Amino acid sequence: MTTVADILRGKGSAEVYSVRPEDSMLEALQRMAEYRVGALMVLDGGQARHIAGIVTERDYARKIVLQGRNSATTPVREVMTAAVHCVDMAQTCEECMALMTRQRIRHLPVLDAQQQLAGLVSIGDLVKAIISEQQFTIDQLEHYISGQRG
């Protein structure tokens, strides 16, 4: 079974894009556009980089646009989701998908053994890994059926 550690290795870069709670939502949106991502971790605490929350495009749509708020003057802390669900490196794709489905979320921060932020996995990352795993199984079965060794 594919684990979160496998997914992060496959992504190549484990860089996690972030904003601070005091940054404006406009700054957060500009970073999302620049990095072509749908979510940013909200980190505070200086060097410790404490997870204060997560802010997503969905948060922007629901808490800024629909409420008629100003992106330039609204701080991220007023829009972010503070109760962040995290996973560890050993969790499987299936466990992550179950958590995302249950909590209706699309992004999961990954913590390392020291409980430090190690990466972020998205629903897209998980779907890609599951499809790859299934394709491998299909290829193996096809080789078995045709009598080839692979």
N, C-alpha and C. Protein backbone atom coordinates (compact mmCIF):
# COMPACT_ATOMS: atom_id res chain seq x y z
N MET A 1 0.83 -1.19 0.00
CA MET A 1 0.00 0.00 0.00
C MET A 1 0.88 1.25 0.00
N THR A 2 0.44 2.23 -0.75
CA THR A 2 1.18 3.48 -0.84
C THR A 2 0.95 4.31 0.42
N THR A 3 2.04 4.85 0.96
CA THR A 3 1.95 5.68 2.16
C THR A 3 2.14 7.15 1.80
N VAL A 4 1.87 8.00 2.76
CA VAL A 4 2.07 9.43 2.59
C VAL A 4 3.54 9.73 2.28
N ALA A 5 4.45 9.00 2.93
CA ALA A 5 5.89 9.19 2.66
C ALA A 5 6.19 8.90 1.20
N ASP A 6 5.58 7.85 0.62
CA ASP A 6 5.77 7.52 -0.79
C ASP A 6 5.28 8.67 -1.69
N ILE A 7 4.15 9.23 -1.34
CA ILE A 7 3.58 10.32 -2.14
C ILE A 7 4.50 11.54 -2.10
N LEU A 8 4.97 11.90 -0.91
CA LEU A 8 5.86 13.06 -0.80
C LEU A 8 7.16 12.85 -1.57
N ARG A 9 7.70 11.63 -1.52
CA ARG A 9 8.91 11.33 -2.31
C ARG A 9 8.64 11.48 -3.80
N GLY A 10 7.46 11.03 -4.23
CA GLY A 10 7.09 11.10 -5.64
C GLY A 10 6.84 12.51 -6.13
N LYS A 11 6.47 13.41 -5.23
CA LYS A 11 6.21 14.79 -5.62
C LYS A 11 7.51 15.53 -5.95
N GLY A 12 8.63 14.99 -5.49
CA GLY A 12 9.90 15.64 -5.77
C GLY A 12 10.22 16.73 -4.77
N SER A 13 9.37 17.71 -4.66
CA SER A 13 9.58 18.80 -3.72
C SER A 13 8.55 18.71 -2.61
N ALA A 14 9.03 18.74 -1.39
CA ALA A 14 8.12 18.70 -0.25
C ALA A 14 7.86 20.12 0.27
N GLU A 15 8.20 21.12 -0.55
CA GLU A 15 8.01 22.50 -0.12
C GLU A 15 6.53 22.75 0.15
N VAL A 16 6.29 23.39 1.29
CA VAL A 16 4.93 23.73 1.67
C VAL A 16 4.81 25.25 1.60
N TYR A 17 3.89 25.72 0.80
CA TYR A 17 3.68 27.15 0.66
C TYR A 17 2.81 27.63 1.80
N SER A 18 3.14 28.83 2.29
CA SER A 18 2.43 29.29 3.48
C SER A 18 2.24 30.81 3.49
N VAL A 19 1.38 31.23 4.40
CA VAL A 19 1.16 32.63 4.73
C VAL A 19 1.14 32.74 6.24
N ARG A 20 1.14 33.97 6.73
CA ARG A 20 1.04 34.23 8.16
C ARG A 20 -0.40 34.66 8.47
N PRO A 21 -0.83 34.48 9.70
CA PRO A 21 -2.21 34.86 10.05
C PRO A 21 -2.51 36.33 9.79
N GLU A 22 -1.51 37.18 9.92
CA GLU A 22 -1.73 38.62 9.74
C GLU A 22 -1.67 39.08 8.28
N ASP A 23 -1.25 38.20 7.37
CA ASP A 23 -1.25 38.55 5.94
C ASP A 23 -2.69 38.74 5.46
N SER A 24 -2.85 39.54 4.42
CA SER A 24 -4.20 39.76 3.88
C SER A 24 -4.60 38.57 3.00
N MET A 25 -5.89 38.43 2.82
CA MET A 25 -6.38 37.38 1.92
C MET A 25 -5.93 37.65 0.49
N LEU A 26 -5.76 38.90 0.13
CA LEU A 26 -5.26 39.22 -1.21
C LEU A 26 -3.86 38.65 -1.39
N GLU A 27 -3.00 38.80 -0.37
CA GLU A 27 -1.66 38.23 -0.43
C GLU A 27 -1.73 36.70 -0.55
N ALA A 28 -2.64 36.10 0.20
CA ALA A 28 -2.79 34.64 0.15
C ALA A 28 -3.22 34.20 -1.25
N LEU A 29 -4.17 34.90 -1.84
CA LEU A 29 -4.63 34.56 -3.19
C LEU A 29 -3.52 34.74 -4.21
N GLN A 30 -2.72 35.79 -4.06
CA GLN A 30 -1.61 36.01 -4.98
C GLN A 30 -0.60 34.86 -4.90
N ARG A 31 -0.34 34.37 -3.69
CA ARG A 31 0.58 33.24 -3.53
C ARG A 31 -0.01 31.96 -4.13
N MET A 32 -1.30 31.73 -3.91
CA MET A 32 -1.94 30.55 -4.50
C MET A 32 -1.82 30.59 -6.02
N ALA A 33 -2.04 31.76 -6.60
CA ALA A 33 -1.94 31.90 -8.05
C ALA A 33 -0.50 31.70 -8.51
N GLU A 34 0.44 32.30 -7.80
CA GLU A 34 1.85 32.19 -8.16
C GLU A 34 2.33 30.75 -8.14
N TYR A 35 1.95 30.01 -7.11
CA TYR A 35 2.41 28.63 -6.95
C TYR A 35 1.46 27.61 -7.58
N ARG A 36 0.35 28.09 -8.10
CA ARG A 36 -0.64 27.23 -8.74
C ARG A 36 -1.13 26.13 -7.80
N VAL A 37 -1.54 26.55 -6.60
CA VAL A 37 -2.07 25.64 -5.58
C VAL A 37 -3.41 26.15 -5.09
N GLY A 38 -4.18 25.27 -4.47
CA GLY A 38 -5.50 25.63 -3.97
C GLY A 38 -5.57 25.84 -2.48
N ALA A 39 -4.41 25.71 -1.80
CA ALA A 39 -4.40 25.87 -0.35
C ALA A 39 -3.02 26.30 0.12
N LEU A 40 -3.00 27.03 1.21
CA LEU A 40 -1.75 27.44 1.85
C LEU A 40 -1.84 27.11 3.33
N MET A 41 -0.74 26.67 3.90
CA MET A 41 -0.69 26.51 5.34
C MET A 41 -0.55 27.89 5.95
N VAL A 42 -1.17 28.09 7.09
CA VAL A 42 -1.04 29.33 7.83
C VAL A 42 -0.11 29.02 9.00
N LEU A 43 1.09 29.63 8.97
CA LEU A 43 2.11 29.33 9.97
C LEU A 43 2.45 30.58 10.77
N ASP A 44 2.64 30.39 12.07
CA ASP A 44 3.10 31.49 12.91
C ASP A 44 4.12 30.95 13.89
N GLY A 45 4.62 31.79 14.75
CA GLY A 45 5.56 31.33 15.77
C GLY A 45 7.01 31.43 15.36
N GLY A 46 7.33 32.20 14.34
CA GLY A 46 8.73 32.40 13.96
C GLY A 46 9.41 31.13 13.52
N GLN A 47 10.50 30.78 14.18
CA GLN A 47 11.31 29.63 13.79
C GLN A 47 10.57 28.31 13.99
N ALA A 48 9.71 28.23 15.00
CA ALA A 48 9.01 26.98 15.28
C ALA A 48 8.01 26.64 14.19
N ARG A 49 7.55 27.65 13.44
CA ARG A 49 6.59 27.45 12.36
C ARG A 49 5.39 26.63 12.82
N HIS A 50 4.75 27.11 13.83
CA HIS A 50 3.56 26.49 14.39
C HIS A 50 2.41 26.56 13.37
N ILE A 51 1.67 25.48 13.21
CA ILE A 51 0.52 25.45 12.31
C ILE A 51 -0.64 26.17 12.98
N ALA A 52 -0.99 27.32 12.44
CA ALA A 52 -2.12 28.08 12.97
C ALA A 52 -3.41 27.71 12.26
N GLY A 53 -3.29 27.21 11.02
CA GLY A 53 -4.47 26.85 10.25
C GLY A 53 -4.13 26.56 8.81
N ILE A 54 -5.16 26.49 7.99
CA ILE A 54 -5.02 26.29 6.56
C ILE A 54 -6.05 27.20 5.89
N VAL A 55 -5.68 27.80 4.75
CA VAL A 55 -6.60 28.65 4.02
C VAL A 55 -6.67 28.14 2.59
N THR A 56 -7.89 28.04 2.07
CA THR A 56 -8.11 27.45 0.75
C THR A 56 -8.92 28.39 -0.14
N GLU A 57 -8.95 28.04 -1.41
CA GLU A 57 -9.79 28.79 -2.35
C GLU A 57 -11.26 28.72 -1.91
N ARG A 58 -11.65 27.60 -1.36
CA ARG A 58 -13.03 27.44 -0.88
C ARG A 58 -13.31 28.41 0.26
N ASP A 59 -12.33 28.58 1.17
CA ASP A 59 -12.50 29.56 2.25
C ASP A 59 -12.71 30.96 1.67
N TYR A 60 -11.92 31.30 0.65
CA TYR A 60 -12.04 32.60 0.02
C TYR A 60 -13.44 32.80 -0.56
N ALA A 61 -13.91 31.81 -1.30
CA ALA A 61 -15.22 31.92 -1.95
C ALA A 61 -16.33 32.08 -0.92
N ARG A 62 -16.27 31.32 0.14
CA ARG A 62 -17.36 31.32 1.11
C ARG A 62 -17.28 32.45 2.14
N LYS A 63 -16.06 32.83 2.51
CA LYS A 63 -15.92 33.77 3.62
C LYS A 63 -15.52 35.18 3.19
N ILE A 64 -15.19 35.35 1.93
CA ILE A 64 -14.87 36.69 1.42
C ILE A 64 -15.89 37.08 0.36
N VAL A 65 -15.94 36.34 -0.72
CA VAL A 65 -16.80 36.70 -1.84
C VAL A 65 -18.27 36.70 -1.43
N LEU A 66 -18.74 35.60 -0.89
CA LEU A 66 -20.17 35.50 -0.56
C LEU A 66 -20.59 36.44 0.56
N GLN A 67 -19.64 36.85 1.40
CA GLN A 67 -19.97 37.76 2.50
C GLN A 67 -19.66 39.22 2.14
N GLY A 68 -19.20 39.45 0.92
CA GLY A 68 -18.94 40.81 0.47
C GLY A 68 -17.80 41.50 1.19
N ARG A 69 -16.83 40.73 1.65
CA ARG A 69 -15.69 41.30 2.37
C ARG A 69 -14.59 41.71 1.40
N ASN A 70 -13.67 42.50 1.87
CA ASN A 70 -12.57 43.02 1.06
C ASN A 70 -11.32 42.15 1.25
N SER A 71 -10.81 41.58 0.18
CA SER A 71 -9.64 40.71 0.24
C SER A 71 -8.39 41.44 0.72
N ALA A 72 -8.27 42.70 0.34
CA ALA A 72 -7.07 43.46 0.67
C ALA A 72 -6.98 43.83 2.15
N THR A 73 -8.14 43.92 2.81
CA THR A 73 -8.12 44.35 4.21
C THR A 73 -8.48 43.24 5.20
N THR A 74 -8.90 42.10 4.70
CA THR A 74 -9.27 41.00 5.60
C THR A 74 -8.06 40.12 5.86
N PRO A 75 -7.65 39.97 7.12
CA PRO A 75 -6.50 39.11 7.41
C PRO A 75 -6.86 37.62 7.28
N VAL A 76 -5.88 36.85 6.94
CA VAL A 76 -6.04 35.40 6.77
C VAL A 76 -6.64 34.78 8.02
N ARG A 77 -6.26 35.25 9.20
CA ARG A 77 -6.75 34.64 10.46
C ARG A 77 -8.26 34.64 10.57
N GLU A 78 -8.93 35.59 9.88
CA GLU A 78 -10.39 35.66 9.93
C GLU A 78 -11.07 34.72 8.94
N VAL A 79 -10.28 34.12 8.07
CA VAL A 79 -10.85 33.29 7.00
C VAL A 79 -10.39 31.84 7.11
N MET A 80 -9.21 31.63 7.65
CA MET A 80 -8.60 30.29 7.69
C MET A 80 -9.43 29.31 8.51
N THR A 81 -9.16 28.05 8.27
CA THR A 81 -9.70 26.97 9.09
C THR A 81 -8.64 26.66 10.14
N ALA A 82 -8.98 26.87 11.41
CA ALA A 82 -8.00 26.69 12.49
C ALA A 82 -7.88 25.23 12.93
N ALA A 83 -8.96 24.48 12.84
CA ALA A 83 -8.94 23.07 13.26
C ALA A 83 -8.43 22.23 12.08
N VAL A 84 -7.13 22.03 12.04
CA VAL A 84 -6.49 21.37 10.92
C VAL A 84 -6.30 19.88 11.22
N HIS A 85 -6.76 19.04 10.30
CA HIS A 85 -6.56 17.60 10.41
C HIS A 85 -5.22 17.27 9.75
N CYS A 86 -4.35 16.59 10.48
CA CYS A 86 -3.02 16.24 9.97
C CYS A 86 -2.86 14.73 9.91
N VAL A 87 -1.90 14.29 9.10
CA VAL A 87 -1.56 12.88 9.01
C VAL A 87 -0.06 12.72 9.20
N ASP A 88 0.36 11.47 9.45
CA ASP A 88 1.79 11.22 9.56
C ASP A 88 2.28 10.47 8.33
N MET A 89 3.58 10.32 8.23
CA MET A 89 4.22 9.75 7.05
C MET A 89 3.81 8.30 6.77
N ALA A 90 3.42 7.57 7.80
CA ALA A 90 3.12 6.15 7.64
C ALA A 90 1.69 5.87 7.21
N GLN A 91 0.85 6.86 7.22
CA GLN A 91 -0.56 6.61 6.86
C GLN A 91 -0.69 6.29 5.38
N THR A 92 -1.66 5.46 5.07
CA THR A 92 -1.86 5.01 3.69
C THR A 92 -2.78 5.97 2.94
N CYS A 93 -2.76 5.83 1.61
CA CYS A 93 -3.67 6.61 0.76
C CYS A 93 -5.11 6.37 1.18
N GLU A 94 -5.44 5.12 1.44
CA GLU A 94 -6.81 4.77 1.79
C GLU A 94 -7.24 5.45 3.10
N GLU A 95 -6.34 5.48 4.09
CA GLU A 95 -6.65 6.15 5.35
C GLU A 95 -6.86 7.65 5.13
N CYS A 96 -6.01 8.25 4.31
CA CYS A 96 -6.13 9.68 4.01
C CYS A 96 -7.43 9.98 3.27
N MET A 97 -7.75 9.15 2.28
CA MET A 97 -8.99 9.35 1.52
C MET A 97 -10.21 9.24 2.44
N ALA A 98 -10.18 8.28 3.36
CA ALA A 98 -11.29 8.12 4.30
C ALA A 98 -11.43 9.36 5.19
N LEU A 99 -10.32 9.88 5.67
CA LEU A 99 -10.35 11.09 6.50
C LEU A 99 -10.86 12.28 5.71
N MET A 100 -10.37 12.44 4.49
CA MET A 100 -10.83 13.56 3.66
C MET A 100 -12.32 13.46 3.36
N THR A 101 -12.79 12.27 3.09
CA THR A 101 -14.21 12.08 2.80
C THR A 101 -15.05 12.38 4.03
N ARG A 102 -14.62 11.86 5.16
CA ARG A 102 -15.36 12.05 6.42
C ARG A 102 -15.41 13.54 6.82
N GLN A 103 -14.29 14.23 6.65
CA GLN A 103 -14.19 15.62 7.09
C GLN A 103 -14.53 16.63 5.99
N ARG A 104 -14.73 16.13 4.76
CA ARG A 104 -15.05 16.98 3.61
C ARG A 104 -13.97 18.03 3.37
N ILE A 105 -12.73 17.54 3.31
CA ILE A 105 -11.58 18.41 3.07
C ILE A 105 -10.79 17.89 1.88
N ARG A 106 -9.92 18.73 1.34
CA ARG A 106 -9.16 18.38 0.14
C ARG A 106 -7.66 18.39 0.32
N HIS A 107 -7.20 18.84 1.48
CA HIS A 107 -5.76 18.95 1.73
C HIS A 107 -5.45 18.46 3.14
N LEU A 108 -4.32 17.74 3.27
CA LEU A 108 -3.88 17.24 4.57
C LEU A 108 -2.41 17.57 4.80
N PRO A 109 -2.12 18.35 5.84
CA PRO A 109 -0.72 18.56 6.21
C PRO A 109 -0.13 17.25 6.73
N VAL A 110 1.15 17.05 6.47
CA VAL A 110 1.85 15.84 6.89
C VAL A 110 2.88 16.22 7.94
N LEU A 111 2.85 15.52 9.08
CA LEU A 111 3.81 15.77 10.15
C LEU A 111 4.84 14.66 10.18
N ASP A 112 6.10 15.03 10.46
CA ASP A 112 7.16 14.03 10.57
C ASP A 112 7.19 13.47 12.00
N ALA A 113 8.19 12.65 12.29
CA ALA A 113 8.28 11.99 13.59
C ALA A 113 8.43 12.99 14.74
N GLN A 114 8.96 14.17 14.45
CA GLN A 114 9.13 15.20 15.47
C GLN A 114 7.93 16.15 15.53
N GLN A 115 6.84 15.76 14.83
CA GLN A 115 5.62 16.56 14.78
C GLN A 115 5.82 17.92 14.11
N GLN A 116 6.78 17.96 13.17
CA GLN A 116 7.04 19.16 12.37
C GLN A 116 6.38 18.99 11.01
N LEU A 117 5.98 20.09 10.41
CA LEU A 117 5.34 20.06 9.10
C LEU A 117 6.34 19.57 8.05
N ALA A 118 6.02 18.45 7.40
CA ALA A 118 6.92 17.84 6.42
C ALA A 118 6.42 17.98 4.99
N GLY A 119 5.14 18.27 4.82
CA GLY A 119 4.58 18.37 3.48
C GLY A 119 3.08 18.53 3.54
N LEU A 120 2.49 18.53 2.35
CA LEU A 120 1.04 18.68 2.23
C LEU A 120 0.60 17.77 1.09
N VAL A 121 -0.43 16.95 1.34
CA VAL A 121 -0.97 16.12 0.27
C VAL A 121 -2.39 16.58 -0.04
N SER A 122 -2.70 16.53 -1.32
CA SER A 122 -4.03 16.95 -1.78
C SER A 122 -4.80 15.72 -2.23
N ILE A 123 -6.08 15.91 -2.44
CA ILE A 123 -6.91 14.83 -2.97
C ILE A 123 -6.37 14.38 -4.32
N GLY A 124 -5.86 15.31 -5.12
CA GLY A 124 -5.27 14.97 -6.42
C GLY A 124 -4.06 14.08 -6.28
N ASP A 125 -3.21 14.35 -5.28
CA ASP A 125 -2.04 13.51 -5.02
C ASP A 125 -2.46 12.08 -4.69
N LEU A 126 -3.50 11.96 -3.88
CA LEU A 126 -3.97 10.64 -3.46
C LEU A 126 -4.59 9.88 -4.63
N VAL A 127 -5.40 10.55 -5.42
CA VAL A 127 -6.03 9.90 -6.58
C VAL A 127 -4.96 9.42 -7.55
N LYS A 128 -3.96 10.25 -7.80
CA LYS A 128 -2.87 9.88 -8.70
C LYS A 128 -2.14 8.63 -8.18
N ALA A 129 -1.87 8.58 -6.88
CA ALA A 129 -1.18 7.43 -6.30
C ALA A 129 -2.03 6.17 -6.38
N ILE A 130 -3.31 6.29 -6.12
CA ILE A 130 -4.20 5.12 -6.18
C ILE A 130 -4.33 4.60 -7.60
N ILE A 131 -4.46 5.50 -8.57
CA ILE A 131 -4.52 5.09 -9.98
C ILE A 131 -3.24 4.38 -10.38
N SER A 132 -2.10 4.90 -9.97
CA SER A 132 -0.81 4.29 -10.29
C SER A 132 -0.72 2.88 -9.68
N GLU A 133 -1.16 2.75 -8.44
CA GLU A 133 -1.15 1.45 -7.77
C GLU A 133 -2.06 0.45 -8.49
N GLN A 134 -3.23 0.92 -8.90
CA GLN A 134 -4.16 0.04 -9.62
C GLN A 134 -3.62 -0.35 -10.99
N GLN A 135 -2.96 0.58 -11.68
CA GLN A 135 -2.38 0.27 -12.98
C GLN A 135 -1.29 -0.78 -12.85
N PHE A 136 -0.48 -0.68 -11.79
CA PHE A 136 0.56 -1.67 -11.54
C PHE A 136 -0.08 -3.05 -11.36
N THR A 137 -1.16 -3.13 -10.58
CA THR A 137 -1.85 -4.40 -10.35
C THR A 137 -2.41 -4.96 -11.66
N ILE A 138 -3.01 -4.11 -12.46
CA ILE A 138 -3.55 -4.53 -13.76
C ILE A 138 -2.45 -5.08 -14.65
N ASP A 139 -1.31 -4.37 -14.70
CA ASP A 139 -0.18 -4.84 -15.51
C ASP A 139 0.32 -6.20 -15.05
N GLN A 140 0.41 -6.38 -13.73
CA GLN A 140 0.87 -7.65 -13.18
C GLN A 140 -0.10 -8.78 -13.52
N LEU A 141 -1.38 -8.53 -13.42
CA LEU A 141 -2.39 -9.54 -13.75
C LEU A 141 -2.37 -9.89 -15.23
N GLU A 142 -2.20 -8.88 -16.08
CA GLU A 142 -2.11 -9.13 -17.52
C GLU A 142 -0.90 -9.99 -17.85
N HIS A 143 0.24 -9.71 -17.22
CA HIS A 143 1.43 -10.52 -17.44
C HIS A 143 1.21 -11.96 -16.95
N TYR A 144 0.56 -12.10 -15.81
CA TYR A 144 0.29 -13.41 -15.25
C TYR A 144 -0.61 -14.23 -16.20
N ILE A 145 -1.67 -13.57 -16.65
CA ILE A 145 -2.65 -14.25 -17.53
C ILE A 145 -2.00 -14.67 -18.84
N SER A 146 -1.16 -13.79 -19.38
CA SER A 146 -0.53 -14.11 -20.68
C SER A 146 0.67 -15.03 -20.55
N GLY A 147 1.05 -15.34 -19.32
CA GLY A 147 2.15 -16.28 -19.10
C GLY A 147 3.53 -15.62 -19.11
N GLN A 148 3.58 -14.33 -19.18
CA GLN A 148 4.85 -13.61 -19.17
C GLN A 148 5.31 -13.41 -17.74
N ARG A 149 6.61 -13.33 -17.56
CA ARG A 149 7.18 -13.02 -16.24
C ARG A 149 7.57 -11.55 -16.25
N GLY A 150 7.25 -10.82 -15.20
CA GLY A 150 7.56 -9.40 -15.20
C GLY A 150 7.97 -8.95 -13.91
